[in-house]
Amino acid sequence: MSTRTPLRRDLADLKQKVYILGEKCIEISDLYNTLLDSYSDNLEARLIDLSKEIKKETKELNDQCFLVLTLQQPMIKDLRFVIGSLQIVLNLEKSTEQYTSIISLLSGISIIKPELKENLKKMSDIVTTLLRTSLTLYLSFNLDLGKETSKLFSEINYMHDILYKQILKELAVETGEKAQIEAQLLGTIRSLEKVSDIVTNIIEQVHYIIVGKTNG
């Protein structure tokens, strides 16, 4: 009993810290969405500062996971939780890296057509919702949320296809700075798609934690 009690505390602490890290990733996603609507140097600086915090906390959680593995000798179910949580932490960091890699492309977004900008914002909002849903899934271990995530994935793929066609159409007729910015947006929607792929990995890890295998 005395051996398991510290482990229960360590696992609860780990879960809370992973959730808090996830909330910071959602804040980054929200900041990115705001930058799409109204670009601001201050918001960009906040996003970069937050990404540095996440990188630091990712290393700390990585170390914490290995301490639990080496010192607490968790049983199989708890072992799955620690390993799955470690993978989720790494994927949250990857999602942050995707956002920081594309914020420099947004400074001239105000000159693109409103319809294109609106669709880009819509896709970004859905990706944020997907990230938030995956975090709720981790906190609750409620596999029923899987249906909601599948729907969100479909919406993201749909918006990706619309945006890709819109941008290619614009590039066929635009020149100069506007054409350059719209070409950069192809990289932006690809990065948003990568974030959704990363969230897929998070959802797979939660499934692994709960049932002992991925949902493949």
C-alpha atoms as a PDB file:
ATOM      1  CA  MET A   1       0.000   0.000   0.000  1.00  0.00           C
ATOM      2  CA  SER A   2       2.766   2.417   0.936  1.00  0.00           C
ATOM      3  CA  THR A   3       4.591   1.602  -2.323  1.00  0.00           C
ATOM      4  CA  ARG A   4       1.577   2.270  -4.531  1.00  0.00           C
ATOM      5  CA  THR A   5       0.462   5.469  -2.805  1.00  0.00           C
ATOM      6  CA  PRO A   6       3.497   7.550  -3.931  1.00  0.00           C
ATOM      7  CA  LEU A   7       3.050   6.141  -7.437  1.00  0.00           C
ATOM      8  CA  ARG A   8      -0.620   7.201  -7.512  1.00  0.00           C
ATOM      9  CA  ARG A   9       0.436  10.704  -6.489  1.00  0.00           C
ATOM     10  CA  ASP A  10       3.185  10.790  -9.118  1.00  0.00           C
ATOM     11  CA  LEU A  11       0.805   9.664 -11.857  1.00  0.00           C
ATOM     12  CA  ALA A  12      -1.837  12.198 -10.845  1.00  0.00           C
ATOM     13  CA  ASP A  13       0.818  14.929 -10.816  1.00  0.00           C
ATOM     14  CA  LEU A  14       2.061  13.835 -14.236  1.00  0.00           C
ATOM     15  CA  LYS A  15      -1.455  13.874 -15.689  1.00  0.00           C
ATOM     16  CA  GLN A  16      -2.129  17.357 -14.352  1.00  0.00           C
ATOM     17  CA  LYS A  17       1.161  18.713 -15.731  1.00  0.00           C
ATOM     18  CA  VAL A  18       0.561  17.178 -19.173  1.00  0.00           C
ATOM     19  CA  TYR A  19      -2.891  18.745 -19.210  1.00  0.00           C
ATOM     20  CA  ILE A  20      -1.474  22.161 -18.276  1.00  0.00           C
ATOM     21  CA  LEU A  21       1.128  21.799 -21.026  1.00  0.00           C
ATOM     22  CA  GLY A  22      -1.689  20.979 -23.437  1.00  0.00           C
ATOM     23  CA  GLU A  23      -3.569  24.107 -22.382  1.00  0.00           C
ATOM     24  CA  LYS A  24      -0.507  26.188 -23.257  1.00  0.00           C
ATOM     25  CA  CYS A  25      -0.434  24.558 -26.688  1.00  0.00           C
ATOM     26  CA  ILE A  26      -4.095  25.490 -27.108  1.00  0.00           C
ATOM     27  CA  GLU A  27      -3.208  29.067 -26.146  1.00  0.00           C
ATOM     28  CA  ILE A  28      -0.586  29.062 -28.905  1.00  0.00           C
ATOM     29  CA  SER A  29      -3.194  27.817 -31.348  1.00  0.00           C
ATOM     30  CA  ASP A  30      -5.599  30.553 -30.224  1.00  0.00           C
ATOM     31  CA  LEU A  31      -2.869  33.182 -30.602  1.00  0.00           C
ATOM     32  CA  TYR A  32      -2.207  31.955 -34.114  1.00  0.00           C
ATOM     33  CA  ASN A  33      -5.908  32.233 -34.936  1.00  0.00           C
ATOM     34  CA  THR A  34      -5.919  35.802 -33.626  1.00  0.00           C
ATOM     35  CA  LEU A  35      -2.856  36.636 -35.736  1.00  0.00           C
ATOM     36  CA  LEU A  36      -4.744  35.432 -38.806  1.00  0.00           C
ATOM     37  CA  ASP A  37      -7.485  37.926 -37.999  1.00  0.00           C
ATOM     38  CA  SER A  38      -5.324  40.855 -36.931  1.00  0.00           C
ATOM     39  CA  TYR A  39      -1.539  40.638 -37.085  1.00  0.00           C
ATOM     40  CA  SER A  40       0.366  42.086 -34.125  1.00  0.00           C
ATOM     41  CA  ASP A  41       4.056  42.051 -33.202  1.00  0.00           C
ATOM     42  CA  ASN A  42       3.082  41.766 -29.534  1.00  0.00           C
ATOM     43  CA  LEU A  43       0.949  38.682 -30.158  1.00  0.00           C
ATOM     44  CA  GLU A  44       3.730  37.103 -32.187  1.00  0.00           C
ATOM     45  CA  ALA A  45       6.193  37.789 -29.364  1.00  0.00           C
ATOM     46  CA  ARG A  46       3.790  36.213 -26.853  1.00  0.00           C
ATOM     47  CA  LEU A  47       3.466  33.124 -29.039  1.00  0.00           C
ATOM     48  CA  ILE A  48       7.255  32.770 -29.273  1.00  0.00           C
ATOM     49  CA  ASP A  49       7.705  33.238 -25.502  1.00  0.00           C
ATOM     50  CA  LEU A  50       5.036  30.645 -24.818  1.00  0.00           C
ATOM     51  CA  SER A  51       6.708  28.174 -27.175  1.00  0.00           C
ATOM     52  CA  LYS A  52       9.946  28.566 -25.194  1.00  0.00           C
ATOM     53  CA  GLU A  53       8.051  27.800 -21.976  1.00  0.00           C
ATOM     54  CA  ILE A  54       6.589  24.676 -23.572  1.00  0.00           C
ATOM     55  CA  LYS A  55      10.015  23.490 -24.721  1.00  0.00           C
ATOM     56  CA  LYS A  56      11.380  23.884 -21.181  1.00  0.00           C
ATOM     57  CA  GLU A  57       8.394  22.138 -19.579  1.00  0.00           C
ATOM     58  CA  THR A  58       8.576  19.330 -22.149  1.00  0.00           C
ATOM     59  CA  LYS A  59      12.116  18.513 -21.011  1.00  0.00           C
ATOM     60  CA  GLU A  60      11.027  18.599 -17.355  1.00  0.00           C
ATOM     61  CA  LEU A  61       8.112  16.240 -18.034  1.00  0.00           C
ATOM     62  CA  ASN A  62      10.375  13.958 -20.040  1.00  0.00           C
ATOM     63  CA  ASP A  63      12.698  13.718 -17.028  1.00  0.00           C
ATOM     64  CA  GLN A  64       9.732  13.166 -14.683  1.00  0.00           C
ATOM     65  CA  CYS A  65       8.440  10.280 -16.796  1.00  0.00           C
ATOM     66  CA  PHE A  66      11.797   8.536 -16.720  1.00  0.00           C
ATOM     67  CA  LEU A  67      12.066   9.006 -12.958  1.00  0.00           C
ATOM     68  CA  VAL A  68       8.707   7.302 -12.493  1.00  0.00           C
ATOM     69  CA  LEU A  69       9.782   4.465 -14.772  1.00  0.00           C
ATOM     70  CA  THR A  70      13.098   3.892 -13.019  1.00  0.00           C
ATOM     71  CA  LEU A  71      12.189   4.540  -9.384  1.00  0.00           C
ATOM     72  CA  GLN A  72       8.544   3.514  -8.987  1.00  0.00           C
ATOM     73  CA  GLN A  73       8.499   0.261 -10.997  1.00  0.00           C
ATOM     74  CA  PRO A  74       4.947   0.787 -12.296  1.00  0.00           C
ATOM     75  CA  MET A  75       2.720  -2.146 -13.200  1.00  0.00           C
ATOM     76  CA  ILE A  76       1.608  -2.729 -16.809  1.00  0.00           C
ATOM     77  CA  LYS A  77      -1.405  -0.358 -16.807  1.00  0.00           C
ATOM     78  CA  ASP A  78       0.555   2.404 -15.096  1.00  0.00           C
ATOM     79  CA  LEU A  79       3.494   1.750 -17.396  1.00  0.00           C
ATOM     80  CA  ARG A  80       1.220   2.345 -20.398  1.00  0.00           C
ATOM     81  CA  PHE A  81       0.070   5.604 -18.845  1.00  0.00           C
ATOM     82  CA  VAL A  82       3.619   6.900 -18.316  1.00  0.00           C
ATOM     83  CA  ILE A  83       4.850   5.861 -21.769  1.00  0.00           C
ATOM     84  CA  GLY A  84       1.682   7.183 -23.447  1.00  0.00           C
ATOM     85  CA  SER A  85       1.927  10.482 -21.545  1.00  0.00           C
ATOM     86  CA  LEU A  86       5.565  10.841 -22.576  1.00  0.00           C
ATOM     87  CA  GLN A  87       4.615  10.439 -26.231  1.00  0.00           C
ATOM     88  CA  ILE A  88       1.763  12.944 -25.828  1.00  0.00           C
ATOM     89  CA  VAL A  89       4.171  15.497 -24.347  1.00  0.00           C
ATOM     90  CA  LEU A  90       6.527  15.078 -27.310  1.00  0.00           C
ATOM     91  CA  ASN A  91       3.651  15.489 -29.759  1.00  0.00           C
ATOM     92  CA  LEU A  92       2.433  18.628 -28.002  1.00  0.00           C
ATOM     93  CA  GLU A  93       5.904  20.080 -28.428  1.00  0.00           C
ATOM     94  CA  LYS A  94       5.835  19.151 -32.129  1.00  0.00           C
ATOM     95  CA  SER A  95       2.521  20.953 -32.594  1.00  0.00           C
ATOM     96  CA  THR A  96       4.046  24.077 -31.049  1.00  0.00           C
ATOM     97  CA  GLU A  97       7.000  23.860 -33.422  1.00  0.00           C
ATOM     98  CA  GLN A  98       4.613  23.787 -36.380  1.00  0.00           C
ATOM     99  CA  TYR A  99       2.932  26.991 -35.257  1.00  0.00           C
ATOM    100  CA  THR A 100       6.200  28.822 -34.589  1.00  0.00           C
ATOM    101  CA  SER A 101       7.529  27.779 -38.004  1.00  0.00           C
ATOM    102  CA  ILE A 102       4.743  29.606 -39.876  1.00  0.00           C
ATOM    103  CA  ILE A 103       4.007  32.758 -37.882  1.00  0.00           C
ATOM    104  CA  SER A 104       6.550  34.741 -39.915  1.00  0.00           C
ATOM    105  CA  LEU A 105       4.348  34.172 -42.971  1.00  0.00           C
ATOM    106  CA  LEU A 106       1.398  36.055 -41.510  1.00  0.00           C
ATOM    107  CA  SER A 107       2.646  39.652 -41.421  1.00  0.00           C
ATOM    108  CA  GLY A 108       1.249  40.447 -44.883  1.00  0.00           C
ATOM    109  CA  ILE A 109      -1.942  38.431 -44.643  1.00  0.00           C
ATOM    110  CA  SER A 110      -4.144  41.543 -44.573  1.00  0.00           C
ATOM    111  CA  ILE A 111      -3.798  42.022 -48.340  1.00  0.00           C
ATOM    112  CA  ILE A 112      -5.257  38.650 -49.383  1.00  0.00           C
ATOM    113  CA  LYS A 113      -8.895  38.280 -50.403  1.00  0.00           C
ATOM    114  CA  PRO A 114     -11.412  38.166 -47.502  1.00  0.00           C
ATOM    115  CA  GLU A 115     -12.871  34.814 -48.613  1.00  0.00           C
ATOM    116  CA  LEU A 116      -9.450  33.166 -48.655  1.00  0.00           C
ATOM    117  CA  LYS A 117      -8.564  34.646 -45.275  1.00  0.00           C
ATOM    118  CA  GLU A 118     -11.897  33.546 -43.797  1.00  0.00           C
ATOM    119  CA  ASN A 119     -11.418  29.957 -44.951  1.00  0.00           C
ATOM    120  CA  LEU A 120      -7.889  29.905 -43.554  1.00  0.00           C
ATOM    121  CA  LYS A 121      -9.227  31.110 -40.195  1.00  0.00           C
ATOM    122  CA  LYS A 122     -11.953  28.480 -40.319  1.00  0.00           C
ATOM    123  CA  MET A 123      -9.462  25.665 -40.896  1.00  0.00           C
ATOM    124  CA  SER A 124      -7.249  26.977 -38.114  1.00  0.00           C
ATOM    125  CA  ASP A 125     -10.201  27.174 -35.709  1.00  0.00           C
ATOM    126  CA  ILE A 126     -11.131  23.546 -36.425  1.00  0.00           C
ATOM    127  CA  VAL A 127      -7.533  22.447 -35.769  1.00  0.00           C
ATOM    128  CA  THR A 128      -7.676  24.270 -32.429  1.00  0.00           C
ATOM    129  CA  THR A 129     -10.939  22.517 -31.561  1.00  0.00           C
ATOM    130  CA  LEU A 130      -9.373  19.172 -32.449  1.00  0.00           C
ATOM    131  CA  LEU A 131      -6.398  19.894 -30.186  1.00  0.00           C
ATOM    132  CA  ARG A 132      -8.734  20.887 -27.346  1.00  0.00           C
ATOM    133  CA  THR A 133     -10.816  17.721 -27.836  1.00  0.00           C
ATOM    134  CA  SER A 134      -7.714  15.515 -27.714  1.00  0.00           C
ATOM    135  CA  LEU A 135      -6.720  17.141 -24.434  1.00  0.00           C
ATOM    136  CA  THR A 136     -10.207  16.506 -23.009  1.00  0.00           C
ATOM    137  CA  LEU A 137      -9.884  12.889 -24.149  1.00  0.00           C
ATOM    138  CA  TYR A 138      -6.594  12.569 -22.255  1.00  0.00           C
ATOM    139  CA  LEU A 139      -8.086  14.075 -19.113  1.00  0.00           C
ATOM    140  CA  SER A 140     -11.322  12.064 -19.160  1.00  0.00           C
ATOM    141  CA  PHE A 141     -10.295   8.822 -20.929  1.00  0.00           C
ATOM    142  CA  ASN A 142     -13.707   8.944 -22.626  1.00  0.00           C
ATOM    143  CA  LEU A 143     -13.333   7.046 -25.890  1.00  0.00           C
ATOM    144  CA  ASP A 144     -16.777   8.237 -27.028  1.00  0.00           C
ATOM    145  CA  LEU A 145     -15.034  11.464 -28.026  1.00  0.00           C
ATOM    146  CA  GLY A 146     -13.525   9.486 -30.899  1.00  0.00           C
ATOM    147  CA  LYS A 147     -16.613  10.152 -33.033  1.00  0.00           C
ATOM    148  CA  GLU A 148     -16.188  13.885 -32.534  1.00  0.00           C
ATOM    149  CA  THR A 149     -12.513  13.766 -33.495  1.00  0.00           C
ATOM    150  CA  SER A 150     -13.318  11.815 -36.674  1.00  0.00           C
ATOM    151  CA  LYS A 151     -15.791  14.517 -37.679  1.00  0.00           C
ATOM    152  CA  LEU A 152     -13.224  17.240 -37.030  1.00  0.00           C
ATOM    153  CA  PHE A 153     -10.606  15.434 -39.118  1.00  0.00           C
ATOM    154  CA  SER A 154     -13.068  15.278 -42.013  1.00  0.00           C
ATOM    155  CA  GLU A 155     -13.762  19.015 -41.712  1.00  0.00           C
ATOM    156  CA  ILE A 156     -10.030  19.794 -41.693  1.00  0.00           C
ATOM    157  CA  ASN A 157      -9.435  17.733 -44.834  1.00  0.00           C
ATOM    158  CA  TYR A 158     -12.385  19.442 -46.504  1.00  0.00           C
ATOM    159  CA  MET A 159     -11.088  22.934 -45.662  1.00  0.00           C
ATOM    160  CA  HIS A 160      -7.585  21.961 -46.777  1.00  0.00           C
ATOM    161  CA  ASP A 161      -8.873  20.977 -50.214  1.00  0.00           C
ATOM    162  CA  ILE A 162     -10.918  24.181 -50.558  1.00  0.00           C
ATOM    163  CA  LEU A 163      -7.980  26.385 -49.566  1.00  0.00           C
ATOM    164  CA  TYR A 164      -5.549  24.588 -51.818  1.00  0.00           C
ATOM    165  CA  LYS A 165      -7.800  25.093 -54.846  1.00  0.00           C
ATOM    166  CA  GLN A 166      -8.478  28.736 -53.909  1.00  0.00           C
ATOM    167  CA  ILE A 167      -4.783  29.547 -53.568  1.00  0.00           C
ATOM    168  CA  LEU A 168      -3.828  27.840 -56.847  1.00  0.00           C
ATOM    169  CA  LYS A 169      -6.609  29.777 -58.583  1.00  0.00           C
ATOM    170  CA  GLU A 170      -5.342  33.051 -57.123  1.00  0.00           C
ATOM    171  CA  LEU A 171      -1.744  32.295 -58.090  1.00  0.00           C
ATOM    172  CA  ALA A 172      -2.842  31.859 -61.701  1.00  0.00           C
ATOM    173  CA  VAL A 173      -3.928  35.515 -61.917  1.00  0.00           C
ATOM    174  CA  GLU A 174      -1.991  37.415 -59.221  1.00  0.00           C
ATOM    175  CA  THR A 175       1.532  38.850 -59.436  1.00  0.00           C
ATOM    176  CA  GLY A 176       3.980  40.629 -57.139  1.00  0.00           C
ATOM    177  CA  GLU A 177       3.701  40.770 -53.365  1.00  0.00           C
ATOM    178  CA  LYS A 178       0.165  39.415 -53.237  1.00  0.00           C
ATOM    179  CA  ALA A 179       1.126  36.350 -55.270  1.00  0.00           C
ATOM    180  CA  GLN A 180       4.140  35.767 -53.008  1.00  0.00           C
ATOM    181  CA  ILE A 181       2.022  35.915 -49.851  1.00  0.00           C
ATOM    182  CA  GLU A 182      -0.583  33.584 -51.293  1.00  0.00           C
ATOM    183  CA  ALA A 183       2.152  31.130 -52.300  1.00  0.00           C
ATOM    184  CA  GLN A 184       3.393  31.199 -48.705  1.00  0.00           C
ATOM    185  CA  LEU A 185      -0.096  30.308 -47.537  1.00  0.00           C
ATOM    186  CA  LEU A 186       0.323  26.913 -49.200  1.00  0.00           C
ATOM    187  CA  GLY A 187       2.988  26.233 -46.566  1.00  0.00           C
ATOM    188  CA  THR A 188       0.674  27.552 -43.880  1.00  0.00           C
ATOM    189  CA  ILE A 189      -2.187  25.185 -44.657  1.00  0.00           C
ATOM    190  CA  ARG A 190       0.272  22.316 -44.926  1.00  0.00           C
ATOM    191  CA  SER A 191       1.551  23.093 -41.416  1.00  0.00           C
ATOM    192  CA  LEU A 192      -1.999  23.211 -40.066  1.00  0.00           C
ATOM    193  CA  GLU A 193      -2.577  19.817 -41.639  1.00  0.00           C
ATOM    194  CA  LYS A 194       0.598  18.568 -39.920  1.00  0.00           C
ATOM    195  CA  VAL A 195      -0.739  19.808 -36.569  1.00  0.00           C
ATOM    196  CA  SER A 196      -3.890  17.758 -37.123  1.00  0.00           C
ATOM    197  CA  ASP A 197      -1.700  14.733 -37.944  1.00  0.00           C
ATOM    198  CA  ILE A 198       0.195  15.277 -34.698  1.00  0.00           C
ATOM    199  CA  VAL A 199      -3.092  15.400 -32.791  1.00  0.00           C
ATOM    200  CA  THR A 200      -3.919  12.051 -34.400  1.00  0.00           C
ATOM    201  CA  ASN A 201      -0.851  10.660 -32.649  1.00  0.00           C
ATOM    202  CA  ILE A 202      -2.044  12.103 -29.328  1.00  0.00           C
ATOM    203  CA  ILE A 203      -5.438  10.447 -29.721  1.00  0.00           C
ATOM    204  CA  GLU A 204      -3.753   7.149 -30.622  1.00  0.00           C
ATOM    205  CA  GLN A 205      -1.649   7.359 -27.449  1.00  0.00           C
ATOM    206  CA  VAL A 206      -4.736   7.934 -25.280  1.00  0.00           C
ATOM    207  CA  HIS A 207      -6.322   4.870 -26.887  1.00  0.00           C
ATOM    208  CA  TYR A 208      -3.144   2.930 -26.107  1.00  0.00           C
ATOM    209  CA  ILE A 209      -3.228   4.067 -22.476  1.00  0.00           C
ATOM    210  CA  ILE A 210      -6.845   2.961 -22.060  1.00  0.00           C
ATOM    211  CA  VAL A 211      -7.025  -0.341 -23.943  1.00  0.00           C
ATOM    212  CA  GLY A 212      -3.386  -1.365 -24.390  1.00  0.00           C
ATOM    213  CA  LYS A 213      -3.203  -0.969 -28.161  1.00  0.00           C
ATOM    214  CA  THR A 214      -3.496   1.744 -30.764  1.00  0.00           C
ATOM    215  CA  ASN A 215      -6.707   2.209 -32.707  1.00  0.00           C
ATOM    216  CA  GLY A 216      -5.110   1.184 -35.972  1.00  0.00           C
END
